[in-house]
Amino acid sequence: MLNRLRGKTELQKLQSQYCKLVKSSYNLAIKDKDKSDHLHKEAIKILDQIKKIEHQL
């Protein structure tokens, strides 16, 4: 219950942002390959941050 009051943790925020970027990248892949690749690269950077945080836990 207290976790709901505190809001999202940094890990949860990164995971949410990663999911949004991957979905956007996938949806743009058909229309604009360059933008899709750019979003995918950003998602990979966020995934690296997620892995670092999970490794610390």
PDB file of N, CA and C in Angstrom:
ATOM      1  N   MET A   1       0.822  -1.186   0.000  1.00  0.00           N
ATOM      2  CA  MET A   1       0.000   0.000   0.000  1.00  0.00           C
ATOM      3  C   MET A   1       0.866   1.250   0.000  1.00  0.00           C
ATOM      4  N   LEU A   2       1.950   1.242   0.751  1.00  0.00           N
ATOM      5  CA  LEU A   2       2.804   2.423   0.796  1.00  0.00           C
ATOM      6  C   LEU A   2       3.499   2.669  -0.534  1.00  0.00           C
ATOM      7  N   ASN A   3       3.778   1.610  -1.287  1.00  0.00           N
ATOM      8  CA  ASN A   3       4.406   1.794  -2.599  1.00  0.00           C
ATOM      9  C   ASN A   3       3.517   2.597  -3.530  1.00  0.00           C
ATOM     10  N   ARG A   4       2.226   2.434  -3.414  1.00  0.00           N
ATOM     11  CA  ARG A   4       1.309   3.204  -4.261  1.00  0.00           C
ATOM     12  C   ARG A   4       1.377   4.683  -3.931  1.00  0.00           C
ATOM     13  N   LEU A   5       1.570   4.996  -2.677  1.00  0.00           N
ATOM     14  CA  LEU A   5       1.629   6.394  -2.264  1.00  0.00           C
ATOM     15  C   LEU A   5       2.951   7.041  -2.661  1.00  0.00           C
ATOM     16  N   ARG A   6       3.995   6.268  -2.721  1.00  0.00           N
ATOM     17  CA  ARG A   6       5.317   6.804  -3.037  1.00  0.00           C
ATOM     18  C   ARG A   6       5.475   7.110  -4.520  1.00  0.00           C
ATOM     19  N   GLY A   7       4.731   6.469  -5.343  1.00  0.00           N
ATOM     20  CA  GLY A   7       4.893   6.648  -6.776  1.00  0.00           C
ATOM     21  C   GLY A   7       5.792   5.570  -7.344  1.00  0.00           C
ATOM     22  N   LYS A   8       6.196   5.759  -8.559  1.00  0.00           N
ATOM     23  CA  LYS A   8       7.011   4.767  -9.233  1.00  0.00           C
ATOM     24  C   LYS A   8       8.477   4.890  -8.823  1.00  0.00           C
ATOM     25  N   THR A   9       9.145   3.752  -8.767  1.00  0.00           N
ATOM     26  CA  THR A   9      10.573   3.751  -8.520  1.00  0.00           C
ATOM     27  C   THR A   9      11.292   4.102  -9.820  1.00  0.00           C
ATOM     28  N   GLU A  10      12.574   4.364  -9.726  1.00  0.00           N
ATOM     29  CA  GLU A  10      13.364   4.694 -10.910  1.00  0.00           C
ATOM     30  C   GLU A  10      13.343   3.529 -11.902  1.00  0.00           C
ATOM     31  N   LEU A  11      13.413   2.302 -11.397  1.00  0.00           N
ATOM     32  CA  LEU A  11      13.375   1.125 -12.257  1.00  0.00           C
ATOM     33  C   LEU A  11      12.049   1.025 -12.997  1.00  0.00           C
ATOM     34  N   GLN A  12      10.959   1.262 -12.303  1.00  0.00           N
ATOM     35  CA  GLN A  12       9.641   1.202 -12.934  1.00  0.00           C
ATOM     36  C   GLN A  12       9.487   2.285 -14.003  1.00  0.00           C
ATOM     37  N   LYS A  13      10.024   3.467 -13.742  1.00  0.00           N
ATOM     38  CA  LYS A  13       9.959   4.550 -14.723  1.00  0.00           C
ATOM     39  C   LYS A  13      10.737   4.184 -15.980  1.00  0.00           C
ATOM     40  N   LEU A  14      11.930   3.616 -15.782  1.00  0.00           N
ATOM     41  CA  LEU A  14      12.737   3.223 -16.933  1.00  0.00           C
ATOM     42  C   LEU A  14      12.071   2.112 -17.727  1.00  0.00           C
ATOM     43  N   GLN A  15      11.474   1.149 -17.038  1.00  0.00           N
ATOM     44  CA  GLN A  15      10.794   0.056 -17.716  1.00  0.00           C
ATOM     45  C   GLN A  15       9.608   0.567 -18.533  1.00  0.00           C
ATOM     46  N   SER A  16       8.876   1.502 -17.972  1.00  0.00           N
ATOM     47  CA  SER A  16       7.742   2.091 -18.674  1.00  0.00           C
ATOM     48  C   SER A  16       8.210   2.855 -19.910  1.00  0.00           C
ATOM     49  N   GLN A  17       9.258   3.627 -19.753  1.00  0.00           N
ATOM     50  CA  GLN A  17       9.806   4.399 -20.864  1.00  0.00           C
ATOM     51  C   GLN A  17      10.343   3.464 -21.948  1.00  0.00           C
ATOM     52  N   TYR A  18      10.989   2.380 -21.539  1.00  0.00           N
ATOM     53  CA  TYR A  18      11.509   1.398 -22.494  1.00  0.00           C
ATOM     54  C   TYR A  18      10.371   0.795 -23.322  1.00  0.00           C
ATOM     55  N   CYS A  19       9.301   0.400 -22.650  1.00  0.00           N
ATOM     56  CA  CYS A  19       8.161  -0.195 -23.358  1.00  0.00           C
ATOM     57  C   CYS A  19       7.566   0.774 -24.372  1.00  0.00           C
ATOM     58  N   LYS A  20       7.426   2.026 -23.982  1.00  0.00           N
ATOM     59  CA  LYS A  20       6.871   3.029 -24.892  1.00  0.00           C
ATOM     60  C   LYS A  20       7.748   3.216 -26.123  1.00  0.00           C
ATOM     61  N   LEU A  21       9.068   3.250 -25.900  1.00  0.00           N
ATOM     62  CA  LEU A  21       9.974   3.439 -27.021  1.00  0.00           C
ATOM     63  C   LEU A  21       9.962   2.253 -27.974  1.00  0.00           C
ATOM     64  N   VAL A  22       9.914   1.053 -27.423  1.00  0.00           N
ATOM     65  CA  VAL A  22       9.902  -0.133 -28.271  1.00  0.00           C
ATOM     66  C   VAL A  22       8.617  -0.187 -29.096  1.00  0.00           C
ATOM     67  N   LYS A  23       7.498   0.113 -28.477  1.00  0.00           N
ATOM     68  CA  LYS A  23       6.226   0.122 -29.210  1.00  0.00           C
ATOM     69  C   LYS A  23       6.232   1.183 -30.306  1.00  0.00           C
ATOM     70  N   SER A  24       6.723   2.365 -29.984  1.00  0.00           N
ATOM     71  CA  SER A  24       6.779   3.438 -30.979  1.00  0.00           C
ATOM     72  C   SER A  24       7.704   3.063 -32.131  1.00  0.00           C
ATOM     73  N   SER A  25       8.828   2.470 -31.790  1.00  0.00           N
ATOM     74  CA  SER A  25       9.783   2.043 -32.803  1.00  0.00           C
ATOM     75  C   SER A  25       9.158   1.015 -33.732  1.00  0.00           C
ATOM     76  N   TYR A  26       8.456   0.081 -33.168  1.00  0.00           N
ATOM     77  CA  TYR A  26       7.804  -0.965 -33.960  1.00  0.00           C
ATOM     78  C   TYR A  26       6.744  -0.369 -34.889  1.00  0.00           C
ATOM     79  N   ASN A  27       5.954   0.556 -34.362  1.00  0.00           N
ATOM     80  CA  ASN A  27       4.892   1.159 -35.160  1.00  0.00           C
ATOM     81  C   ASN A  27       5.439   2.046 -36.283  1.00  0.00           C
ATOM     82  N   LEU A  28       6.581   2.676 -36.056  1.00  0.00           N
ATOM     83  CA  LEU A  28       7.174   3.551 -37.064  1.00  0.00           C
ATOM     84  C   LEU A  28       7.978   2.787 -38.110  1.00  0.00           C
ATOM     85  N   ALA A  29       8.303   1.538 -37.845  1.00  0.00           N
ATOM     86  CA  ALA A  29       9.178   0.772 -38.734  1.00  0.00           C
ATOM     87  C   ALA A  29       8.646   0.711 -40.160  1.00  0.00           C
ATOM     88  N   ILE A  30       7.361   0.655 -40.314  1.00  0.00           N
ATOM     89  CA  ILE A  30       6.767   0.566 -41.648  1.00  0.00           C
ATOM     90  C   ILE A  30       6.832   1.916 -42.371  1.00  0.00           C
ATOM     91  N   LYS A  31       6.602   2.988 -41.642  1.00  0.00           N
ATOM     92  CA  LYS A  31       6.496   4.311 -42.254  1.00  0.00           C
ATOM     93  C   LYS A  31       7.851   5.004 -42.412  1.00  0.00           C
ATOM     94  N   ASP A  32       8.658   4.985 -41.340  1.00  0.00           N
ATOM     95  CA  ASP A  32       9.903   5.753 -41.340  1.00  0.00           C
ATOM     96  C   ASP A  32      10.997   4.957 -40.631  1.00  0.00           C
ATOM     97  N   LYS A  33      11.826   4.317 -41.420  1.00  0.00           N
ATOM     98  CA  LYS A  33      12.863   3.437 -40.884  1.00  0.00           C
ATOM     99  C   LYS A  33      13.889   4.198 -40.041  1.00  0.00           C
ATOM    100  N   ASP A  34      14.262   5.401 -40.458  1.00  0.00           N
ATOM    101  CA  ASP A  34      15.275   6.172 -39.732  1.00  0.00           C
ATOM    102  C   ASP A  34      14.799   6.539 -38.326  1.00  0.00           C
ATOM    103  N   LYS A  35      13.576   7.022 -38.213  1.00  0.00           N
ATOM    104  CA  LYS A  35      13.030   7.367 -36.896  1.00  0.00           C
ATOM    105  C   LYS A  35      12.884   6.126 -36.033  1.00  0.00           C
ATOM    106  N   SER A  36      12.492   5.034 -36.656  1.00  0.00           N
ATOM    107  CA  SER A  36      12.349   3.769 -35.937  1.00  0.00           C
ATOM    108  C   SER A  36      13.697   3.328 -35.370  1.00  0.00           C
ATOM    109  N   ASP A  37      14.742   3.425 -36.177  1.00  0.00           N
ATOM    110  CA  ASP A  37      16.081   3.050 -35.717  1.00  0.00           C
ATOM    111  C   ASP A  37      16.554   3.943 -34.575  1.00  0.00           C
ATOM    112  N   HIS A  38      16.249   5.235 -34.683  1.00  0.00           N
ATOM    113  CA  HIS A  38      16.637   6.175 -33.624  1.00  0.00           C
ATOM    114  C   HIS A  38      15.947   5.827 -32.301  1.00  0.00           C
ATOM    115  N   LEU A  39      14.655   5.553 -32.352  1.00  0.00           N
ATOM    116  CA  LEU A  39      13.920   5.181 -31.139  1.00  0.00           C
ATOM    117  C   LEU A  39      14.437   3.863 -30.563  1.00  0.00           C
ATOM    118  N   HIS A  40      14.781   2.943 -31.452  1.00  0.00           N
ATOM    119  CA  HIS A  40      15.295   1.651 -31.001  1.00  0.00           C
ATOM    120  C   HIS A  40      16.638   1.828 -30.280  1.00  0.00           C
ATOM    121  N   LYS A  41      17.486   2.704 -30.779  1.00  0.00           N
ATOM    122  CA  LYS A  41      18.776   2.975 -30.123  1.00  0.00           C
ATOM    123  C   LYS A  41      18.559   3.580 -28.738  1.00  0.00           C
ATOM    124  N   GLU A  42      17.599   4.484 -28.617  1.00  0.00           N
ATOM    125  CA  GLU A  42      17.276   5.063 -27.311  1.00  0.00           C
ATOM    126  C   GLU A  42      16.770   3.993 -26.357  1.00  0.00           C
ATOM    127  N   ALA A  43      15.953   3.096 -26.873  1.00  0.00           N
ATOM    128  CA  ALA A  43      15.416   2.014 -26.049  1.00  0.00           C
ATOM    129  C   ALA A  43      16.547   1.109 -25.545  1.00  0.00           C
ATOM    130  N   ILE A  44      17.530   0.856 -26.385  1.00  0.00           N
ATOM    131  CA  ILE A  44      18.655   0.021 -25.974  1.00  0.00           C
ATOM    132  C   ILE A  44      19.456   0.703 -24.862  1.00  0.00           C
ATOM    133  N   LYS A  45      19.631   2.008 -24.947  1.00  0.00           N
ATOM    134  CA  LYS A  45      20.331   2.746 -23.886  1.00  0.00           C
ATOM    135  C   LYS A  45      19.583   2.625 -22.565  1.00  0.00           C
ATOM    136  N   ILE A  46      18.272   2.730 -22.621  1.00  0.00           N
ATOM    137  CA  ILE A  46      17.458   2.614 -21.410  1.00  0.00           C
ATOM    138  C   ILE A  46      17.526   1.194 -20.868  1.00  0.00           C
ATOM    139  N   LEU A  47      17.536   0.215 -21.756  1.00  0.00           N
ATOM    140  CA  LEU A  47      17.646  -1.179 -21.330  1.00  0.00           C
ATOM    141  C   LEU A  47      18.964  -1.417 -20.599  1.00  0.00           C
ATOM    142  N   ASP A  48      20.036  -0.786 -21.062  1.00  0.00           N
ATOM    143  CA  ASP A  48      21.324  -0.902 -20.370  1.00  0.00           C
ATOM    144  C   ASP A  48      21.239  -0.324 -18.959  1.00  0.00           C
ATOM    145  N   GLN A  49      20.551   0.794 -18.813  1.00  0.00           N
ATOM    146  CA  GLN A  49      20.367   1.395 -17.486  1.00  0.00           C
ATOM    147  C   GLN A  49      19.556   0.472 -16.590  1.00  0.00           C
ATOM    148  N   ILE A  50      18.523  -0.152 -17.149  1.00  0.00           N
ATOM    149  CA  ILE A  50      17.686  -1.082 -16.388  1.00  0.00           C
ATOM    150  C   ILE A  50      18.523  -2.254 -15.891  1.00  0.00           C
ATOM    151  N   LYS A  51      19.364  -2.783 -16.771  1.00  0.00           N
ATOM    152  CA  LYS A  51      20.211  -3.916 -16.387  1.00  0.00           C
ATOM    153  C   LYS A  51      21.179  -3.535 -15.273  1.00  0.00           C
ATOM    154  N   LYS A  52      21.732  -2.328 -15.331  1.00  0.00           N
ATOM    155  CA  LYS A  52      22.645  -1.865 -14.286  1.00  0.00           C
ATOM    156  C   LYS A  52      21.929  -1.788 -12.940  1.00  0.00           C
ATOM    157  N   ILE A  53      20.732  -1.239 -12.944  1.00  0.00           N
ATOM    158  CA  ILE A  53      19.961  -1.092 -11.708  1.00  0.00           C
ATOM    159  C   ILE A  53      19.603  -2.470 -11.164  1.00  0.00           C
ATOM    160  N   GLU A  54      19.177  -3.389 -12.027  1.00  0.00           N
ATOM    161  CA  GLU A  54      18.810  -4.727 -11.570  1.00  0.00           C
ATOM    162  C   GLU A  54      20.025  -5.470 -11.037  1.00  0.00           C
ATOM    163  N   HIS A  55      21.192  -5.222 -11.613  1.00  0.00           N
ATOM    164  CA  HIS A  55      22.409  -5.884 -11.153  1.00  0.00           C
ATOM    165  C   HIS A  55      22.804  -5.397  -9.753  1.00  0.00           C
ATOM    166  N   GLN A  56      22.503  -4.135  -9.471  1.00  0.00           N
ATOM    167  CA  GLN A  56      22.814  -3.570  -8.156  1.00  0.00           C
ATOM    168  C   GLN A  56      21.905  -4.151  -7.070  1.00  0.00           C
ATOM    169  N   LEU A  57      20.696  -4.559  -7.460  1.00  0.00           N
ATOM    170  CA  LEU A  57      19.768  -5.115  -6.492  1.00  0.00           C
ATOM    171  C   LEU A  57      20.204  -6.502  -6.186  1.00  0.00           C
TER     172      LEU A  57
END
